[in-house]
Amino acid sequence: MPASPIIASSLKKLFRNSALFGLLLSAVSGCTMVGPDYVKPTVSEPKAWRDENNPAISSRKVEIAAWWTRFQDPVLNKLIEMACTDNPGLHIAGLRILEARAQLAVLVGNQYPQVQQVRGETGAVGGSKNMANSTPGADFRYGELSVGFDAGWEIDLWGKYHRAVSSGVASLESSVADYDNILVILTAEVARTYMLLSTLETQLKIAEENVSIQSRSLKIASVRFEGGDVTELDVAQARTLLANTQATIPRLQSRISQVKNSLALLLGRLPADLDAILTTETVLPDIPTEIAIGIPAEMLRRRPDIRQAEAQLLAQSERIGVAQADLYPHLSLLGSIGLRTSNSDVTAAAFPGSSNFGDLFSTDSFEYFVGPTFSWDVLNYGRIKNKVRIEDSRFQQLTENYRNTILVAAEETENAIVAYLGARAEQKHLQDSADAAARSVQLSMLQYEEGLNDYQRVLETQRSLIQQQDLLAGNKGQVVINLIAIYKALGGGWETFRDKPVIPEPIRASMEQRTDWGELLQPGAIKAGTADKQEDTLLKPAW
C-alpha cells in the first residue's frame, strides 16, 4: 500500500480530537506582549537659529537634496556621481543593509514552526540474553528502519518573536539611515576636497604671478646697480624675495597632488585615473548674497544620523521585551509522524539494510506523537532578570546617545553658520587690503624706477601683496567650504540617491555567483532611504 494514503488516513484519526486545536487557538489568541512599548524620548530641540536675523542667511524652506548643483560646476557634479557609485566605504554600508535584511529574514522565520525536519534512521541492534528479565524466545538480534517528519513550534505567548521581528525591522532602518549618513558625509567631503583643490590652484596662480612681478623688480634693480644708481644690496634683496616666492611653488604643487590623491580615494579610483577628469583648472564659485537654510525642525527631520539614533533606540526597546519573555513559561507544540519497522533476520548481516523491510509501508508501521510541552526557567539564580537589566541599561545608553546626536547636530549647524558668516565678513576687508597692496606695489616700483624711494619700500609692498592675495584666496575657499559644512550639517545630499540600489551591479553579480541570495539581491529589493516603506515585503519569509 502506498505511503501517502496511509499517512493521510492516520492523520484524520489523529486530528479527530479537536482538543488539540482548541489548545492551539486559545494559546495563540491569548498571546500578550511583555516588555515596554517604545515611546519616543522627549528631548530639547532648537527652535530657531541664533543668527537668523543676519541678512546673509534666510530661514525660508530650502531644497538641498542636490545642494552641490548650486555651484554650477559640471566637474563637481561628475565627481560626486562617481563617488556615490564607486566609493568602497559606501559599498560596505550597502552590504550592511543586506546583512541586516538577511538577519531580519531569520527573525521572521522564527515566528513559524522552529523545527521542521525530515529524518531517517537505520541500524543493527544486538541485545544481551543475560540481562535480567529477558523474555525467553525474544529477538536479541534485529535490524531497525524508520523514516518520518518532526515539527516543533514554540507559541509566541509573550510576544518574544514578534518583538524580535520589530527589533529587526528597526535595525534594518538603522542600517539604511547609516548608509544615508555616509552619503551625506561623502558628498560633502568630495565637494570640500574639490574646493580645497581650487583654493590651492588659485594660490599657486598667485605665487606664479608674483614671481613674474618680482622677476621684473630684480631686473630693474640689476639695471640700476649696473648703472651705479644703487648698491648691490638692492639686487641681493630682490633676489632673496624672488627665491622665497619661487620656493612656495613646489610646496603648493605637492599639496595639490596630495589633495588630488585624497579626491581619487573618495572616488574609489587610483590617483592616475583622476587626470582624465580634472583636465581644466578648477575655479572657486561665486557665493550668493543670501542662502536659505530652513528652520531647525527641518534639519532634525532630514539628518540621517538622528534617524539612525532613533531606529537603534527602537530596536533596543524591543530587545527588552524579548529578554523579559524568558521570565515566563514556554509552551511548545511538538509533533512527529513516521514509519518504523524491524526485522529479526539480521543475524548474518553486517547492516540491516541488507535485510527485507518490505513491511515499512504497511499500515501497522505508522507511528506518531503530538502534544504540547511546557517549560519554565524557575530557578535561574537571577540570570534572566539581569539579562533584562542589561538590555534596559543599553536602552538608556541609546536614549542618551539620541539626545546627544540632536545636540551635536545643533552644534554642527550653528558652528557652520557662524564660520560661514565670519568668513564672508572677513572677505570684504581682505579684498580691500589686497587691492590696496596691489596699488602700493605699482606706486613703489614707479617711485623706485624714478629714484624717489629706496628698494626697502618695494620689498615691503611686494611682501604685503603676496601675503594679502594669499589670505584672500584662502578666505574665498574657506567661505565655500564653510557653506558646504552648512549643507552637510543640515543633512542634505542623501535624498538624491534614495531610489538607487545600495549594491552596485558588479558586486551583486559576484555575490549571486557565490551564494543563493534569492530575491534579496534583486534590483530594487532594498533601496537607500526606503526600509520603512517596505514592511509588507520585509515581514514575509525570504526563501
Protein backbone atom coordinates (compact mmCIF):
# COMPACT_ATOMS: atom_id res chain seq x y z
CA MET A 1 0.00 0.00 0.00
CA PRO A 2 1.45 3.47 -0.89
CA ALA A 3 2.79 5.52 1.97
CA SER A 4 0.82 8.74 1.34
CA PRO A 5 -2.70 7.22 1.72
CA ILE A 6 -1.57 5.53 4.92
CA ILE A 7 -0.30 8.79 6.39
CA ALA A 8 -3.39 10.68 5.25
CA SER A 9 -5.69 8.11 6.82
CA SER A 10 -3.78 8.14 10.07
CA LEU A 11 -3.73 11.95 10.23
CA LYS A 12 -7.53 12.01 10.00
CA LYS A 13 -7.70 9.76 13.04
CA LEU A 14 -5.07 11.80 14.78
CA PHE A 15 -6.87 15.15 14.40
CA ARG A 16 -10.39 13.95 15.20
CA ASN A 17 -9.78 15.13 18.68
CA SER A 18 -10.42 18.87 18.46
CA ALA A 19 -8.92 19.48 21.88
CA LEU A 20 -5.52 19.95 20.30
CA PHE A 21 -6.85 22.68 18.04
CA GLY A 22 -8.64 24.27 20.93
CA LEU A 23 -5.41 24.39 22.88
CA LEU A 24 -3.57 25.90 19.93
CA LEU A 25 -6.22 28.54 19.27
CA SER A 26 -6.52 29.52 22.88
CA ALA A 27 -2.72 29.76 23.19
CA VAL A 28 -2.35 31.94 20.11
CA SER A 29 -5.35 34.16 20.87
CA GLY A 30 -4.16 34.58 24.43
CA CYS A 31 -0.76 35.99 23.42
CA THR A 32 0.28 39.09 25.30
CA MET A 33 3.24 41.37 24.73
CA VAL A 34 5.55 41.70 27.72
CA GLY A 35 8.11 44.46 27.92
CA PRO A 36 7.82 48.20 27.31
CA ASP A 37 6.26 49.65 24.17
CA TYR A 38 8.54 52.18 22.52
CA VAL A 39 7.88 55.82 23.27
CA LYS A 40 10.00 58.46 21.54
CA PRO A 41 12.08 60.30 24.17
CA THR A 42 11.35 63.93 24.86
CA VAL A 43 14.49 65.95 24.24
CA SER A 44 15.31 69.62 23.89
CA GLU A 45 15.29 70.75 20.27
CA PRO A 46 16.40 74.11 18.82
CA LYS A 47 13.52 76.35 17.75
CA ALA A 48 15.43 78.98 15.78
CA TRP A 49 18.94 79.75 14.56
CA ARG A 50 20.95 82.17 16.68
CA ASP A 51 21.93 84.20 13.58
CA GLU A 52 18.56 84.04 11.86
CA ASN A 53 18.42 87.84 11.60
CA ASN A 54 21.65 88.05 9.61
CA PRO A 55 20.84 89.23 6.05
CA ALA A 56 23.25 86.66 4.58
CA ILE A 57 21.02 83.74 5.62
CA SER A 58 17.31 83.04 5.38
CA SER A 59 15.05 80.67 7.31
CA ARG A 60 12.78 80.06 4.35
CA LYS A 61 12.27 76.45 3.33
CA VAL A 62 15.08 75.11 1.18
CA GLU A 63 15.54 72.05 -1.03
CA ILE A 64 19.09 70.77 -0.61
CA ALA A 65 18.77 67.21 -1.91
CA ALA A 66 21.43 68.04 -4.53
CA TRP A 67 22.97 71.13 -2.98
CA TRP A 68 26.25 70.79 -4.90
CA THR A 69 24.49 71.68 -8.17
CA ARG A 70 24.10 75.21 -6.81
CA PHE A 71 27.80 75.76 -7.52
CA GLN A 72 27.09 75.21 -11.24
CA ASP A 73 30.26 73.18 -11.74
CA PRO A 74 29.82 70.18 -14.09
CA VAL A 75 33.11 68.67 -12.93
CA LEU A 76 31.99 68.70 -9.29
CA ASN A 77 28.66 67.12 -10.28
CA LYS A 78 30.52 64.35 -12.09
CA LEU A 79 32.91 63.75 -9.20
CA ILE A 80 30.06 63.35 -6.71
CA GLU A 81 28.19 60.98 -9.02
CA MET A 82 31.33 58.85 -9.37
CA ALA A 83 31.95 58.82 -5.61
CA CYS A 84 28.38 57.74 -4.87
CA THR A 85 28.81 54.89 -7.34
CA ASP A 86 32.32 53.61 -6.64
CA ASN A 87 33.28 54.58 -3.08
CA PRO A 88 34.23 51.37 -1.16
CA GLY A 89 33.04 52.74 2.20
CA LEU A 90 29.60 53.35 0.73
CA HIS A 91 29.59 49.81 -0.69
CA ILE A 92 30.35 48.44 2.79
CA ALA A 93 27.41 50.42 4.21
CA GLY A 94 25.18 48.97 1.48
CA LEU A 95 26.34 45.45 2.34
CA ARG A 96 25.48 46.12 5.99
CA ILE A 97 21.94 46.85 4.83
CA LEU A 98 21.91 43.50 3.05
CA GLU A 99 23.23 41.80 6.18
CA ALA A 100 20.51 43.43 8.30
CA ARG A 101 17.89 42.36 5.74
CA ALA A 102 19.04 38.74 5.90
CA GLN A 103 19.09 38.89 9.72
CA LEU A 104 15.52 40.20 9.67
CA ALA A 105 14.54 37.26 7.46
CA VAL A 106 15.93 34.91 10.14
CA LEU A 107 13.80 36.62 12.80
CA VAL A 108 10.70 36.47 10.59
CA GLY A 109 11.29 32.74 10.07
CA ASN A 110 11.40 32.20 13.84
CA GLN A 111 7.70 33.09 14.06
CA TYR A 112 6.83 29.91 12.19
CA PRO A 113 7.41 26.34 13.44
CA GLN A 114 11.03 26.40 14.50
CA VAL A 115 11.61 22.67 13.91
CA GLN A 116 10.63 21.06 10.61
CA GLN A 117 12.81 18.08 9.85
CA VAL A 118 12.60 15.01 7.67
CA ARG A 119 14.53 12.18 9.30
CA GLY A 120 15.61 8.66 8.54
CA GLU A 121 17.32 6.05 10.68
CA THR A 122 18.67 2.56 10.16
CA GLY A 123 20.72 0.39 12.43
CA ALA A 124 21.54 -3.03 13.78
CA VAL A 125 20.55 -3.87 17.36
CA GLY A 126 22.10 -6.62 19.43
CA GLY A 127 20.73 -7.21 22.91
CA SER A 128 22.21 -9.23 25.77
CA LYS A 129 20.48 -12.54 26.52
CA ASN A 130 21.95 -12.47 30.03
CA MET A 131 20.07 -9.34 31.05
CA ALA A 132 17.68 -9.71 33.93
CA ASN A 133 14.02 -10.13 32.99
CA SER A 134 14.97 -11.12 29.44
CA THR A 135 11.95 -12.60 27.73
CA PRO A 136 12.54 -16.21 26.65
CA GLY A 137 12.44 -16.56 22.88
CA ALA A 138 12.71 -12.83 22.27
CA ASP A 139 14.69 -11.48 19.36
CA PHE A 140 18.03 -10.22 20.58
CA ARG A 141 19.50 -9.53 17.15
CA TYR A 142 17.46 -7.45 14.72
CA GLY A 143 17.59 -4.55 12.28
CA GLU A 144 15.55 -1.37 12.53
CA LEU A 145 14.48 1.18 9.88
CA SER A 146 12.41 4.33 10.27
CA VAL A 147 11.51 7.43 8.29
CA GLY A 148 9.46 10.35 9.47
CA PHE A 149 8.84 14.05 9.88
CA ASP A 150 9.27 16.06 13.09
CA ALA A 151 7.88 19.51 13.83
CA GLY A 152 8.12 21.83 16.82
CA TRP A 153 6.57 25.24 17.36
CA GLU A 154 7.06 27.42 20.40
CA ILE A 155 3.91 29.50 20.72
CA ASP A 156 4.71 33.19 21.00
CA LEU A 157 2.74 33.62 24.21
CA TRP A 158 4.64 36.68 25.40
CA GLY A 159 5.45 38.35 22.10
CA LYS A 160 9.12 37.37 22.11
CA TYR A 161 9.30 36.56 18.41
CA HIS A 162 7.04 39.45 17.46
CA ARG A 163 9.26 41.92 19.31
CA ALA A 164 12.36 40.34 17.80
CA VAL A 165 10.96 40.99 14.32
CA SER A 166 10.11 44.59 15.26
CA SER A 167 13.66 44.98 16.53
CA GLY A 168 14.98 43.54 13.26
CA VAL A 169 12.93 45.99 11.20
CA ALA A 170 14.29 48.88 13.28
CA SER A 171 17.84 47.54 12.89
CA LEU A 172 17.34 47.43 9.13
CA GLU A 173 16.08 51.02 9.19
CA SER A 174 19.15 51.94 11.25
CA SER A 175 21.47 50.41 8.64
CA VAL A 176 19.65 52.29 5.86
CA ALA A 177 19.99 55.54 7.84
CA ASP A 178 23.69 54.79 8.31
CA TYR A 179 24.00 54.40 4.53
CA ASP A 180 22.24 57.73 4.04
CA ASN A 181 24.50 59.37 6.60
CA ILE A 182 27.58 58.13 4.75
CA LEU A 183 26.11 59.65 1.58
CA VAL A 184 25.83 63.00 3.39
CA ILE A 185 29.42 62.78 4.60
CA LEU A 186 30.75 61.53 1.26
CA THR A 187 29.12 64.20 -0.90
CA ALA A 188 30.29 66.93 1.47
CA GLU A 189 33.82 65.54 1.62
CA VAL A 190 34.11 65.29 -2.17
CA ALA A 191 32.91 68.89 -2.53
CA ARG A 192 35.16 70.12 0.28
CA THR A 193 38.22 68.40 -1.21
CA TYR A 194 37.41 69.75 -4.65
CA MET A 195 37.10 73.31 -3.29
CA LEU A 196 40.34 72.90 -1.37
CA LEU A 197 41.95 71.90 -4.66
CA SER A 198 40.52 75.03 -6.28
CA THR A 199 41.89 77.15 -3.44
CA LEU A 200 45.38 75.70 -3.75
CA GLU A 201 45.39 76.14 -7.51
CA THR A 202 44.36 79.77 -7.03
CA GLN A 203 47.19 80.27 -4.54
CA LEU A 204 49.60 78.64 -6.98
CA LYS A 205 48.49 81.01 -9.69
CA ILE A 206 49.03 83.97 -7.32
CA ALA A 207 52.54 82.73 -6.50
CA GLU A 208 53.39 82.42 -10.20
CA GLU A 209 52.08 85.94 -10.90
CA ASN A 210 54.14 87.33 -8.04
CA VAL A 211 57.22 85.53 -9.35
CA SER A 212 56.67 87.43 -12.58
CA ILE A 213 56.34 90.75 -10.72
CA GLN A 214 59.39 90.11 -8.56
CA SER A 215 61.47 88.99 -11.54
CA ARG A 216 60.75 92.33 -13.14
CA SER A 217 61.77 94.10 -9.91
CA LEU A 218 65.03 92.13 -9.84
CA LYS A 219 65.74 93.13 -13.42
CA ILE A 220 65.14 96.80 -12.60
CA ALA A 221 67.36 96.62 -9.51
CA SER A 222 70.11 94.94 -11.55
CA VAL A 223 69.94 97.63 -14.24
CA ARG A 224 70.15 100.40 -11.67
CA PHE A 225 73.04 98.65 -9.92
CA GLU A 226 74.93 98.30 -13.16
CA GLY A 227 74.29 101.97 -13.81
CA GLY A 228 75.73 102.88 -10.43
CA ASP A 229 72.45 104.30 -9.11
CA VAL A 230 72.07 101.80 -6.26
CA THR A 231 74.24 99.42 -4.30
CA GLU A 232 74.36 95.64 -4.72
CA LEU A 233 72.18 95.39 -1.60
CA ASP A 234 69.06 96.15 -3.69
CA VAL A 235 69.90 93.31 -6.08
CA ALA A 236 70.50 90.86 -3.21
CA GLN A 237 67.23 91.81 -1.52
CA ALA A 238 65.30 91.46 -4.78
CA ARG A 239 66.87 88.07 -5.44
CA THR A 240 66.05 86.92 -1.88
CA LEU A 241 62.38 87.86 -2.17
CA LEU A 242 62.09 86.17 -5.58
CA ALA A 243 63.71 82.97 -4.35
CA ASN A 244 61.38 82.83 -1.33
CA THR A 245 58.35 83.21 -3.56
CA GLN A 246 59.65 80.61 -6.01
CA ALA A 247 60.11 78.20 -3.09
CA THR A 248 56.38 78.29 -2.36
CA ILE A 249 55.54 76.90 -5.80
CA PRO A 250 56.88 73.32 -5.30
CA ARG A 251 55.23 73.23 -1.89
CA LEU A 252 51.87 74.21 -3.38
CA GLN A 253 52.30 71.74 -6.23
CA SER A 254 52.98 68.92 -3.76
CA ARG A 255 49.94 69.89 -1.73
CA ILE A 256 47.81 69.95 -4.89
CA SER A 257 48.96 66.43 -5.78
CA GLN A 258 48.14 65.20 -2.27
CA VAL A 259 44.65 66.70 -2.42
CA LYS A 260 44.08 65.09 -5.81
CA ASN A 261 45.13 61.74 -4.33
CA SER A 262 42.63 62.22 -1.50
CA LEU A 263 39.93 63.04 -4.04
CA ALA A 264 40.78 59.90 -6.02
CA LEU A 265 40.40 57.81 -2.85
CA LEU A 266 36.93 59.25 -2.24
CA LEU A 267 36.01 58.29 -5.80
CA GLY A 268 37.29 54.75 -5.34
CA ARG A 269 39.87 55.32 -8.09
CA LEU A 270 43.63 55.25 -8.42
CA PRO A 271 45.30 58.70 -8.37
CA ALA A 272 46.33 58.43 -12.03
CA ASP A 273 42.68 57.92 -13.05
CA LEU A 274 41.85 61.44 -11.91
CA ASP A 275 44.00 63.11 -14.55
CA ALA A 276 41.47 62.35 -17.28
CA ILE A 277 38.71 64.01 -15.22
CA LEU A 278 40.47 67.13 -13.94
CA THR A 279 41.61 68.33 -17.34
CA THR A 280 40.91 72.03 -16.69
CA GLU A 281 41.86 74.42 -13.92
CA THR A 282 39.27 74.46 -11.16
CA VAL A 283 37.69 77.79 -10.20
CA LEU A 284 36.06 78.77 -6.92
CA PRO A 285 32.34 79.51 -7.38
CA ASP A 286 30.66 82.81 -6.60
CA ILE A 287 28.70 82.91 -3.38
CA PRO A 288 25.14 84.35 -3.41
CA THR A 289 24.39 87.30 -1.20
CA GLU A 290 21.82 85.22 0.70
CA ILE A 291 21.46 81.49 1.32
CA ALA A 292 18.34 79.69 2.56
CA ILE A 293 18.87 77.18 5.37
CA GLY A 294 15.31 76.49 6.56
CA ILE A 295 14.40 76.06 10.23
CA PRO A 296 15.93 73.72 12.84
CA ALA A 297 12.92 71.38 12.76
CA GLU A 298 13.57 70.63 9.09
CA MET A 299 17.21 69.87 9.87
CA LEU A 300 16.23 67.43 12.62
CA ARG A 301 13.83 65.57 10.31
CA ARG A 302 16.34 65.45 7.47
CA ARG A 303 19.55 64.33 9.18
CA PRO A 304 20.09 60.56 8.78
CA ASP A 305 22.22 60.25 11.92
CA ILE A 306 19.25 61.36 14.02
CA ARG A 307 17.05 58.86 12.21
CA GLN A 308 19.68 56.19 12.82
CA ALA A 309 19.92 57.00 16.54
CA GLU A 310 16.16 56.69 16.97
CA ALA A 311 16.00 53.44 14.98
CA GLN A 312 18.70 51.98 17.23
CA LEU A 313 16.67 53.11 20.23
CA LEU A 314 13.51 51.45 18.94
CA ALA A 315 15.36 48.20 18.18
CA GLN A 316 16.81 48.11 21.69
CA SER A 317 13.41 48.82 23.27
CA GLU A 318 12.04 45.67 21.62
CA ARG A 319 15.01 43.64 22.90
CA ILE A 320 13.93 44.39 26.47
CA GLY A 321 10.63 42.60 25.77
CA VAL A 322 12.48 39.69 24.15
CA ALA A 323 14.57 39.28 27.30
CA GLN A 324 11.55 39.63 29.61
CA ALA A 325 9.70 36.86 27.80
CA ASP A 326 12.18 34.36 29.23
CA LEU A 327 10.82 35.12 32.72
CA TYR A 328 7.54 33.39 31.82
CA PRO A 329 6.55 29.82 30.89
CA HIS A 330 7.24 28.50 27.40
CA LEU A 331 4.59 26.48 25.59
CA SER A 332 5.52 24.50 22.51
CA LEU A 333 3.65 22.14 20.24
CA LEU A 334 5.63 19.09 19.19
CA GLY A 335 4.67 16.60 16.56
CA SER A 336 6.20 13.61 14.86
CA ILE A 337 4.84 11.23 12.26
CA GLY A 338 6.69 8.38 10.62
CA LEU A 339 7.04 4.76 9.68
CA ARG A 340 9.10 2.28 11.70
CA THR A 341 9.75 -1.41 11.31
CA SER A 342 12.28 -4.01 12.46
CA ASN A 343 13.43 -7.32 11.03
CA SER A 344 14.86 -10.22 13.02
CA ASP A 345 16.57 -11.86 10.02
CA VAL A 346 19.73 -9.87 10.51
CA THR A 347 21.91 -12.28 12.37
CA ALA A 348 24.16 -12.92 9.37
CA ALA A 349 24.06 -9.37 8.00
CA ALA A 350 26.55 -6.66 8.86
CA PHE A 351 23.98 -3.93 8.22
CA PRO A 352 20.22 -4.13 8.43
CA GLY A 353 19.92 -2.56 5.02
CA SER A 354 20.66 -5.96 3.52
CA SER A 355 17.51 -7.42 5.10
CA ASN A 356 13.93 -7.35 3.88
CA PHE A 357 11.98 -4.34 5.17
CA GLY A 358 9.08 -4.61 2.79
CA ASP A 359 6.54 -4.05 5.57
CA LEU A 360 7.82 -0.49 6.24
CA PHE A 361 4.96 0.97 4.21
CA SER A 362 2.20 -1.09 5.78
CA THR A 363 -0.49 0.50 7.91
CA ASP A 364 0.83 -1.13 11.06
CA SER A 365 4.21 0.60 10.66
CA PHE A 366 2.75 4.09 11.13
CA GLU A 367 3.60 5.91 14.36
CA TYR A 368 3.07 9.41 15.63
CA PHE A 369 3.43 11.71 18.58
CA VAL A 370 1.75 15.07 19.04
CA GLY A 371 1.19 17.23 22.05
CA PRO A 372 2.15 20.38 23.90
CA THR A 373 5.24 20.76 26.06
CA PHE A 374 5.66 23.15 28.94
CA SER A 375 8.84 24.61 30.42
CA TRP A 376 9.61 27.39 32.84
CA ASP A 377 13.07 28.54 33.92
CA VAL A 378 12.23 29.00 37.58
CA LEU A 379 15.49 28.61 39.49
CA ASN A 380 17.76 30.66 37.25
CA TYR A 381 19.59 32.49 40.06
CA GLY A 382 18.71 35.90 38.65
CA ARG A 383 20.30 35.27 35.28
CA ILE A 384 17.19 36.17 33.30
CA LYS A 385 16.38 39.27 35.34
CA ASN A 386 19.91 40.51 34.94
CA LYS A 387 19.73 39.95 31.18
CA VAL A 388 16.66 42.18 31.20
CA ARG A 389 18.59 44.76 33.20
CA ILE A 390 21.44 44.62 30.69
CA GLU A 391 19.05 45.30 27.82
CA ASP A 392 17.41 48.14 29.76
CA SER A 393 20.80 49.68 30.50
CA ARG A 394 21.66 49.54 26.81
CA PHE A 395 18.33 51.20 26.01
CA GLN A 396 19.11 54.07 28.38
CA GLN A 397 22.56 54.43 26.85
CA LEU A 398 20.98 54.74 23.41
CA THR A 399 18.49 57.26 24.80
CA GLU A 400 21.38 59.43 25.87
CA ASN A 401 23.05 58.83 22.51
CA TYR A 402 19.87 60.00 20.75
CA ARG A 403 19.79 63.13 22.90
CA ASN A 404 23.48 63.78 22.25
CA THR A 405 23.03 63.26 18.50
CA ILE A 406 20.48 66.08 18.43
CA LEU A 407 22.77 68.33 20.47
CA VAL A 408 25.70 67.58 18.16
CA ALA A 409 23.53 68.29 15.11
CA ALA A 410 22.54 71.67 16.53
CA GLU A 411 26.14 72.48 17.43
CA GLU A 412 27.48 71.47 13.99
CA THR A 413 24.92 73.59 12.19
CA GLU A 414 25.36 76.65 14.40
CA ASN A 415 29.16 76.39 14.14
CA ALA A 416 28.98 76.09 10.35
CA ILE A 417 26.68 79.11 10.12
CA VAL A 418 28.93 81.19 12.39
CA ALA A 419 32.05 80.18 10.45
CA TYR A 420 30.39 80.98 7.13
CA LEU A 421 29.15 84.39 8.24
CA GLY A 422 32.52 85.24 9.80
CA ALA A 423 34.46 84.27 6.67
CA ARG A 424 32.07 86.30 4.50
CA ALA A 425 32.52 89.37 6.68
CA GLU A 426 36.29 88.90 6.62
CA GLN A 427 36.34 88.62 2.82
CA LYS A 428 35.38 92.24 2.13
CA HIS A 429 38.24 93.56 4.29
CA LEU A 430 40.73 91.16 2.75
CA GLN A 431 39.64 92.22 -0.73
CA ASP A 432 40.18 95.88 0.17
CA SER A 433 43.56 95.04 1.64
CA ALA A 434 44.66 93.04 -1.42
CA ASP A 435 43.57 95.84 -3.77
CA ALA A 436 45.48 98.39 -1.71
CA ALA A 437 48.58 96.15 -1.65
CA ALA A 438 48.50 95.80 -5.43
CA ARG A 439 48.29 99.58 -5.80
CA SER A 440 51.16 100.01 -3.34
CA VAL A 441 53.38 97.74 -5.43
CA GLN A 442 52.66 99.75 -8.54
CA LEU A 443 53.44 103.06 -6.82
CA SER A 444 56.57 101.85 -5.04
CA MET A 445 58.03 100.38 -8.24
CA LEU A 446 57.29 103.56 -10.17
CA GLN A 447 58.92 105.69 -7.49
CA TYR A 448 61.90 103.32 -7.27
CA GLU A 449 62.48 103.49 -11.00
CA GLU A 450 62.44 107.27 -10.73
CA GLY A 451 64.77 107.22 -7.73
CA LEU A 452 62.21 108.70 -5.34
CA ASN A 453 62.49 105.93 -2.71
CA ASP A 454 64.79 103.06 -1.79
CA TYR A 455 64.28 99.38 -2.52
CA GLN A 456 63.18 98.60 1.03
CA ARG A 457 59.80 100.20 0.28
CA VAL A 458 59.48 97.99 -2.83
CA LEU A 459 60.27 94.86 -0.80
CA GLU A 460 57.70 95.73 1.85
CA THR A 461 54.91 96.33 -0.65
CA GLN A 462 55.67 93.17 -2.64
CA ARG A 463 55.78 91.02 0.52
CA SER A 464 52.50 92.56 1.60
CA LEU A 465 50.94 91.92 -1.81
CA ILE A 466 51.64 88.20 -1.93
CA GLN A 467 50.57 87.83 1.70
CA GLN A 468 47.26 89.65 1.20
CA GLN A 469 46.48 87.89 -2.07
CA ASP A 470 47.21 84.52 -0.47
CA LEU A 471 44.98 85.35 2.51
CA LEU A 472 42.20 86.49 0.19
CA ALA A 473 42.37 83.28 -1.88
CA GLY A 474 42.35 81.17 1.28
CA ASN A 475 39.39 83.12 2.61
CA LYS A 476 37.38 82.70 -0.61
CA GLY A 477 37.98 78.97 -0.46
CA GLN A 478 37.06 78.88 3.23
CA VAL A 479 33.76 80.67 2.58
CA VAL A 480 32.78 77.96 0.09
CA ILE A 481 34.00 75.18 2.38
CA ASN A 482 32.01 76.65 5.28
CA LEU A 483 28.93 76.76 3.06
CA ILE A 484 29.47 73.08 2.27
CA ALA A 485 29.71 72.45 6.02
CA ILE A 486 26.28 74.10 6.43
CA TYR A 487 24.74 71.82 3.80
CA LYS A 488 26.35 68.82 5.47
CA ALA A 489 25.15 69.87 8.94
CA LEU A 490 21.63 70.33 7.56
CA GLY A 491 21.75 66.70 6.41
CA GLY A 492 21.44 67.33 2.69
CA GLY A 493 22.63 65.07 -0.09
CA TRP A 494 21.19 61.62 0.56
CA GLU A 495 17.72 62.24 -0.90
CA THR A 496 19.09 62.39 -4.45
CA PHE A 497 20.08 58.72 -4.21
CA ARG A 498 17.05 57.36 -2.32
CA ASP A 499 15.93 55.17 -5.26
CA LYS A 500 19.44 53.99 -6.06
CA PRO A 501 20.22 50.27 -5.39
CA VAL A 502 22.58 50.04 -2.44
CA ILE A 503 24.52 47.17 -4.02
CA PRO A 504 26.15 48.00 -7.39
CA GLU A 505 25.64 45.55 -10.24
CA PRO A 506 29.23 44.15 -10.34
CA ILE A 507 29.15 43.33 -6.61
CA ARG A 508 25.65 41.89 -6.88
CA ALA A 509 26.68 39.64 -9.77
CA SER A 510 29.72 38.41 -7.85
CA MET A 511 27.68 37.59 -4.75
CA GLU A 512 24.99 35.78 -6.74
CA GLN A 513 27.62 33.55 -8.30
CA ARG A 514 28.93 32.66 -4.86
CA THR A 515 25.70 32.28 -2.85
CA ASP A 516 21.98 31.78 -3.40
CA TRP A 517 20.53 35.11 -2.30
CA GLY A 518 17.02 34.50 -3.58
CA GLU A 519 15.20 37.78 -4.11
CA LEU A 520 17.28 39.77 -1.63
CA LEU A 521 19.76 40.86 -4.29
CA GLN A 522 17.23 41.65 -6.97
CA PRO A 523 17.46 45.26 -8.23
CA GLY A 524 15.22 47.42 -6.10
CA ALA A 525 14.90 44.87 -3.27
CA ILE A 526 16.45 47.35 -0.85
CA LYS A 527 16.94 50.98 -1.82
CA ALA A 528 18.50 53.85 0.06
CA GLY A 529 16.09 55.60 2.41
CA THR A 530 13.15 53.22 1.86
CA ALA A 531 13.29 50.48 4.51
CA ASP A 532 10.29 51.90 6.36
CA LYS A 533 8.24 51.83 3.12
CA GLN A 534 8.67 48.09 2.56
CA GLU A 535 7.27 46.44 5.70
CA ASP A 536 4.76 44.31 3.79
CA THR A 537 7.63 42.71 1.92
CA LEU A 538 10.03 42.60 4.85
CA LEU A 539 7.69 40.68 7.14
CA LYS A 540 7.26 37.77 4.75
CA PRO A 541 9.61 34.77 4.81
CA ALA A 542 12.56 35.23 2.43
CA TRP A 543 13.45 31.89 0.89
